[in-house]
Amino acid sequence: MQQAQQNGITLIEVLVGLVLLVIAGLVAVPSFTEYLERQRLKAAAESLAASLNLARSEALAQQQFMYVQLAGQGSERWCYAVSKEPKCDCFSAACEALQRGDSVKQPGVELGSASRSTFRFNWKNGSATGANGTASFVGQKTGQQLCVVLSNLGRVRIITSKNKPVDGYPQDATCR
C-alpha cells in the first residue's frame, strides 16, 4: 500500500513553536521593563535640565528673577515648576507657572535628593549665584541615577553615578 504525501505541519510542531516563542518572550520582558525605566529616567533628567535652561533664558528676556521650585524629594510623587514666584507650589494650580514637570509622566522614577528646593536665576546675567546645586533622579527598579547639576554661572549638565551608570552620560562620583 502506498502512503499519501503529507503537506503542512503537525499540531505537535505548532505547539513546540509556540512554547519556544513564549520562552523567548519571558526572557525579553525583564530587559524591556528596565529599558522603559531607563528611558523614563533620562526623560525626567532631560526635562528638568530643559526647564532650568528655560528659567535662565526667561530671566534674561523678562529682566526679572526666575525660579525653579522642586517638591517631593525622596518620593515617587514629585514635581517642579518654572515661575516668577519664589515659593511656587507645583502641586497647586494656584501657582502661575511657565512650565511644570511631574512624576505622572515618568512612573518608576523617584526624585532622589536635591541640594535645594528652589533654584533662582539672576536677571542681570542669567547666573545662579547662591542658588546652584544638584537634583538627582533614581530608577526604582534598576537603581540607576542621573543628577542634574546647576553651576553658579547658570550652566546645566547631567551626570550619572559611577556604581550604576546610565549610558550616554559622563560618570561622576558626586552623583550619589
C-alpha atoms as a PDB file:
ATOM      1  CA  MET A   1       0.000   0.000   0.000  1.00  0.00           C
ATOM      2  CA  GLN A   2       1.185   3.464  -0.836  1.00  0.00           C
ATOM      3  CA  GLN A   3       1.152   6.235   1.778  1.00  0.00           C
ATOM      4  CA  ALA A   4      -0.305   9.621   0.920  1.00  0.00           C
ATOM      5  CA  GLN A   5       2.178  12.515   0.931  1.00  0.00           C
ATOM      6  CA  GLN A   6       1.646  14.857   3.841  1.00  0.00           C
ATOM      7  CA  ASN A   7       1.668  18.641   3.260  1.00  0.00           C
ATOM      8  CA  GLY A   8       1.829  21.217   6.096  1.00  0.00           C
ATOM      9  CA  ILE A   9       2.843  20.923   9.728  1.00  0.00           C
ATOM     10  CA  THR A  10       1.524  18.855  12.582  1.00  0.00           C
ATOM     11  CA  LEU A  11      -0.096  20.072  15.769  1.00  0.00           C
ATOM     12  CA  ILE A  12       2.984  18.981  17.753  1.00  0.00           C
ATOM     13  CA  GLU A  13       5.232  21.179  15.598  1.00  0.00           C
ATOM     14  CA  VAL A  14       2.920  24.175  16.128  1.00  0.00           C
ATOM     15  CA  LEU A  15       2.919  23.636  19.921  1.00  0.00           C
ATOM     16  CA  VAL A  16       6.718  23.361  20.046  1.00  0.00           C
ATOM     17  CA  GLY A  17       6.971  26.633  18.112  1.00  0.00           C
ATOM     18  CA  LEU A  18       4.545  28.354  20.490  1.00  0.00           C
ATOM     19  CA  VAL A  19       6.434  27.129  23.563  1.00  0.00           C
ATOM     20  CA  LEU A  20       9.698  28.482  22.144  1.00  0.00           C
ATOM     21  CA  LEU A  21       8.004  31.811  21.377  1.00  0.00           C
ATOM     22  CA  VAL A  22       6.636  32.089  24.943  1.00  0.00           C
ATOM     23  CA  ILE A  23      10.051  31.306  26.443  1.00  0.00           C
ATOM     24  CA  ALA A  24      11.696  33.978  24.267  1.00  0.00           C
ATOM     25  CA  GLY A  25       9.035  36.477  25.357  1.00  0.00           C
ATOM     26  CA  LEU A  26       9.528  35.701  29.039  1.00  0.00           C
ATOM     27  CA  VAL A  27      13.260  36.262  28.692  1.00  0.00           C
ATOM     28  CA  ALA A  28      12.722  39.620  26.924  1.00  0.00           C
ATOM     29  CA  VAL A  29      10.168  41.145  29.356  1.00  0.00           C
ATOM     30  CA  PRO A  30      12.569  41.969  32.252  1.00  0.00           C
ATOM     31  CA  SER A  31      15.085  43.678  29.999  1.00  0.00           C
ATOM     32  CA  PHE A  32      12.287  45.604  28.269  1.00  0.00           C
ATOM     33  CA  THR A  33      10.936  46.930  31.587  1.00  0.00           C
ATOM     34  CA  GLU A  34      14.473  48.014  32.564  1.00  0.00           C
ATOM     35  CA  TYR A  35      14.778  49.741  29.194  1.00  0.00           C
ATOM     36  CA  LEU A  36      11.488  51.597  29.763  1.00  0.00           C
ATOM     37  CA  GLU A  37      12.574  52.729  33.231  1.00  0.00           C
ATOM     38  CA  ARG A  38      15.924  53.923  31.879  1.00  0.00           C
ATOM     39  CA  GLN A  39      14.126  55.938  29.166  1.00  0.00           C
ATOM     40  CA  ARG A  40      11.823  57.498  31.780  1.00  0.00           C
ATOM     41  CA  LEU A  41      14.831  58.314  33.960  1.00  0.00           C
ATOM     42  CA  LYS A  42      16.523  60.045  31.023  1.00  0.00           C
ATOM     43  CA  ALA A  43      13.304  61.912  30.185  1.00  0.00           C
ATOM     44  CA  ALA A  44      12.934  63.183  33.767  1.00  0.00           C
ATOM     45  CA  ALA A  45      16.530  64.468  33.935  1.00  0.00           C
ATOM     46  CA  GLU A  46      16.442  65.977  30.443  1.00  0.00           C
ATOM     47  CA  SER A  47      13.111  67.660  31.183  1.00  0.00           C
ATOM     48  CA  LEU A  48      14.398  69.274  34.400  1.00  0.00           C
ATOM     49  CA  ALA A  49      17.564  70.400  32.593  1.00  0.00           C
ATOM     50  CA  ALA A  50      15.430  71.970  29.847  1.00  0.00           C
ATOM     51  CA  SER A  51      13.265  73.713  32.465  1.00  0.00           C
ATOM     52  CA  LEU A  52      16.348  75.126  34.187  1.00  0.00           C
ATOM     53  CA  ASN A  53      17.581  76.443  30.831  1.00  0.00           C
ATOM     54  CA  LEU A  54      14.136  77.929  30.171  1.00  0.00           C
ATOM     55  CA  ALA A  55      14.154  79.688  33.546  1.00  0.00           C
ATOM     56  CA  ARG A  56      17.590  81.143  32.805  1.00  0.00           C
ATOM     57  CA  SER A  57      16.598  82.429  29.372  1.00  0.00           C
ATOM     58  CA  GLU A  58      13.307  83.852  30.696  1.00  0.00           C
ATOM     59  CA  ALA A  59      15.157  85.666  33.496  1.00  0.00           C
ATOM     60  CA  LEU A  60      17.335  87.357  30.907  1.00  0.00           C
ATOM     61  CA  ALA A  61      14.471  88.055  28.487  1.00  0.00           C
ATOM     62  CA  GLN A  62      11.987  89.381  31.061  1.00  0.00           C
ATOM     63  CA  GLN A  63      14.595  91.198  33.158  1.00  0.00           C
ATOM     64  CA  GLN A  64      13.423  89.622  36.428  1.00  0.00           C
ATOM     65  CA  PHE A  65      14.368  86.765  38.717  1.00  0.00           C
ATOM     66  CA  MET A  66      13.028  83.359  37.687  1.00  0.00           C
ATOM     67  CA  TYR A  67      12.691  80.330  39.946  1.00  0.00           C
ATOM     68  CA  VAL A  68      12.505  76.588  39.558  1.00  0.00           C
ATOM     69  CA  GLN A  69      10.770  75.100  42.594  1.00  0.00           C
ATOM     70  CA  LEU A  70      11.138  71.362  43.366  1.00  0.00           C
ATOM     71  CA  ALA A  71       8.757  69.413  45.597  1.00  0.00           C
ATOM     72  CA  GLY A  72       8.503  65.799  46.704  1.00  0.00           C
ATOM     73  CA  GLN A  73      12.179  64.932  47.130  1.00  0.00           C
ATOM     74  CA  GLY A  74      12.678  61.335  48.187  1.00  0.00           C
ATOM     75  CA  SER A  75       9.307  60.146  46.969  1.00  0.00           C
ATOM     76  CA  GLU A  76       7.533  58.709  43.957  1.00  0.00           C
ATOM     77  CA  ARG A  77       5.246  61.763  43.776  1.00  0.00           C
ATOM     78  CA  TRP A  78       7.301  64.793  42.792  1.00  0.00           C
ATOM     79  CA  CYS A  79       7.022  67.896  40.651  1.00  0.00           C
ATOM     80  CA  TYR A  80       8.761  71.114  39.672  1.00  0.00           C
ATOM     81  CA  ALA A  81       7.628  74.440  38.260  1.00  0.00           C
ATOM     82  CA  VAL A  82       9.285  77.351  36.457  1.00  0.00           C
ATOM     83  CA  SER A  83       7.824  80.568  37.808  1.00  0.00           C
ATOM     84  CA  LYS A  84       8.347  84.247  38.610  1.00  0.00           C
ATOM     85  CA  GLU A  85       7.255  83.446  42.165  1.00  0.00           C
ATOM     86  CA  PRO A  86       9.915  82.263  44.635  1.00  0.00           C
ATOM     87  CA  LYS A  87       7.518  79.987  46.562  1.00  0.00           C
ATOM     88  CA  CYS A  88       5.510  78.439  43.738  1.00  0.00           C
ATOM     89  CA  ASP A  89       3.901  75.178  44.910  1.00  0.00           C
ATOM     90  CA  CYS A  90       3.954  72.967  41.832  1.00  0.00           C
ATOM     91  CA  PHE A  91       1.331  70.643  43.360  1.00  0.00           C
ATOM     92  CA  SER A  92      -1.127  73.545  43.469  1.00  0.00           C
ATOM     93  CA  ALA A  93      -2.915  75.018  40.464  1.00  0.00           C
ATOM     94  CA  ALA A  94      -2.831  78.412  42.240  1.00  0.00           C
ATOM     95  CA  CYS A  95       0.780  78.906  41.175  1.00  0.00           C
ATOM     96  CA  GLU A  96       1.176  80.605  37.805  1.00  0.00           C
ATOM     97  CA  ALA A  97       3.928  78.527  36.243  1.00  0.00           C
ATOM     98  CA  LEU A  98       5.536  78.914  32.830  1.00  0.00           C
ATOM     99  CA  GLN A  99       6.281  75.195  32.780  1.00  0.00           C
ATOM    100  CA  ARG A 100       5.652  72.190  35.019  1.00  0.00           C
ATOM    101  CA  GLY A 101       7.043  68.700  35.239  1.00  0.00           C
ATOM    102  CA  ASP A 102       5.873  65.832  37.417  1.00  0.00           C
ATOM    103  CA  SER A 103       6.123  62.149  38.215  1.00  0.00           C
ATOM    104  CA  VAL A 104       2.894  61.291  36.383  1.00  0.00           C
ATOM    105  CA  LYS A 105       4.782  61.231  33.082  1.00  0.00           C
ATOM    106  CA  GLN A 106       7.679  59.182  34.488  1.00  0.00           C
ATOM    107  CA  PRO A 107       6.323  56.338  36.638  1.00  0.00           C
ATOM    108  CA  GLY A 108       9.032  54.341  38.386  1.00  0.00           C
ATOM    109  CA  VAL A 109      11.339  57.365  38.641  1.00  0.00           C
ATOM    110  CA  GLU A 110      11.908  58.983  42.017  1.00  0.00           C
ATOM    111  CA  LEU A 111      13.221  62.484  42.673  1.00  0.00           C
ATOM    112  CA  GLY A 112      16.006  61.370  44.989  1.00  0.00           C
ATOM    113  CA  SER A 113      17.808  64.151  46.743  1.00  0.00           C
ATOM    114  CA  ALA A 114      18.151  67.805  45.889  1.00  0.00           C
ATOM    115  CA  SER A 115      20.674  70.152  47.417  1.00  0.00           C
ATOM    116  CA  ARG A 116      17.977  72.824  47.471  1.00  0.00           C
ATOM    117  CA  SER A 117      14.280  73.055  46.745  1.00  0.00           C
ATOM    118  CA  THR A 118      14.496  76.351  44.830  1.00  0.00           C
ATOM    119  CA  PHE A 119      16.877  77.318  42.039  1.00  0.00           C
ATOM    120  CA  ARG A 120      16.995  81.067  41.311  1.00  0.00           C
ATOM    121  CA  PHE A 121      18.270  82.767  38.163  1.00  0.00           C
ATOM    122  CA  ASN A 122      19.542  86.351  38.177  1.00  0.00           C
ATOM    123  CA  TRP A 123      18.007  88.616  35.552  1.00  0.00           C
ATOM    124  CA  LYS A 124      21.213  90.631  35.054  1.00  0.00           C
ATOM    125  CA  ASN A 125      23.447  87.865  33.765  1.00  0.00           C
ATOM    126  CA  GLY A 126      21.498  84.579  33.976  1.00  0.00           C
ATOM    127  CA  SER A 127      23.682  83.267  36.767  1.00  0.00           C
ATOM    128  CA  ALA A 128      22.508  81.039  39.595  1.00  0.00           C
ATOM    129  CA  THR A 129      24.856  82.556  42.174  1.00  0.00           C
ATOM    130  CA  GLY A 130      23.843  81.366  45.608  1.00  0.00           C
ATOM    131  CA  ALA A 131      21.220  79.096  44.089  1.00  0.00           C
ATOM    132  CA  ASN A 132      23.371  76.489  42.392  1.00  0.00           C
ATOM    133  CA  GLY A 133      23.028  72.805  43.263  1.00  0.00           C
ATOM    134  CA  THR A 134      22.108  69.297  42.221  1.00  0.00           C
ATOM    135  CA  ALA A 135      18.897  67.305  41.878  1.00  0.00           C
ATOM    136  CA  SER A 136      19.003  63.554  41.356  1.00  0.00           C
ATOM    137  CA  PHE A 137      16.561  61.132  39.761  1.00  0.00           C
ATOM    138  CA  VAL A 138      16.649  57.417  40.617  1.00  0.00           C
ATOM    139  CA  GLY A 139      15.111  54.455  38.804  1.00  0.00           C
ATOM    140  CA  GLN A 140      13.206  52.437  41.406  1.00  0.00           C
ATOM    141  CA  LYS A 141      13.852  49.005  39.864  1.00  0.00           C
ATOM    142  CA  THR A 142      17.330  49.440  38.387  1.00  0.00           C
ATOM    143  CA  GLY A 143      18.743  51.831  40.995  1.00  0.00           C
ATOM    144  CA  GLN A 144      20.379  53.818  38.207  1.00  0.00           C
ATOM    145  CA  GLN A 145      20.800  57.503  38.905  1.00  0.00           C
ATOM    146  CA  LEU A 146      21.061  60.726  36.896  1.00  0.00           C
ATOM    147  CA  CYS A 147      21.969  64.045  38.504  1.00  0.00           C
ATOM    148  CA  VAL A 148      21.095  67.441  37.065  1.00  0.00           C
ATOM    149  CA  VAL A 149      23.804  69.883  38.110  1.00  0.00           C
ATOM    150  CA  LEU A 150      23.386  73.671  38.019  1.00  0.00           C
ATOM    151  CA  SER A 151      26.588  75.737  38.310  1.00  0.00           C
ATOM    152  CA  ASN A 152      26.951  79.247  39.731  1.00  0.00           C
ATOM    153  CA  LEU A 153      27.189  80.551  36.162  1.00  0.00           C
ATOM    154  CA  GLY A 154      23.789  79.046  35.304  1.00  0.00           C
ATOM    155  CA  ARG A 155      25.150  76.174  33.218  1.00  0.00           C
ATOM    156  CA  VAL A 156      23.208  72.922  33.381  1.00  0.00           C
ATOM    157  CA  ARG A 157      24.692  69.460  32.873  1.00  0.00           C
ATOM    158  CA  ILE A 158      23.588  65.898  33.510  1.00  0.00           C
ATOM    159  CA  ILE A 159      25.875  63.307  35.059  1.00  0.00           C
ATOM    160  CA  THR A 160      25.425  59.699  36.195  1.00  0.00           C
ATOM    161  CA  SER A 161      26.670  57.722  39.178  1.00  0.00           C
ATOM    162  CA  LYS A 162      29.739  55.534  38.921  1.00  0.00           C
ATOM    163  CA  ASN A 163      28.253  52.466  40.621  1.00  0.00           C
ATOM    164  CA  LYS A 164      25.229  52.038  38.282  1.00  0.00           C
ATOM    165  CA  PRO A 165      25.886  54.318  35.306  1.00  0.00           C
ATOM    166  CA  VAL A 166      23.419  55.263  32.574  1.00  0.00           C
ATOM    167  CA  ASP A 167      24.958  55.009  29.110  1.00  0.00           C
ATOM    168  CA  GLY A 168      25.468  58.294  27.285  1.00  0.00           C
ATOM    169  CA  TYR A 169      26.179  60.455  30.351  1.00  0.00           C
ATOM    170  CA  PRO A 170      29.534  61.246  31.987  1.00  0.00           C
ATOM    171  CA  GLN A 171      30.171  59.393  35.231  1.00  0.00           C
ATOM    172  CA  ASP A 172      30.916  61.431  38.322  1.00  0.00           C
ATOM    173  CA  ALA A 173      31.444  60.421  41.943  1.00  0.00           C
ATOM    174  CA  THR A 174      29.417  63.428  43.133  1.00  0.00           C
ATOM    175  CA  CYS A 175      26.245  61.851  41.719  1.00  0.00           C
ATOM    176  CA  ARG A 176      25.150  59.650  44.626  1.00  0.00           C
END
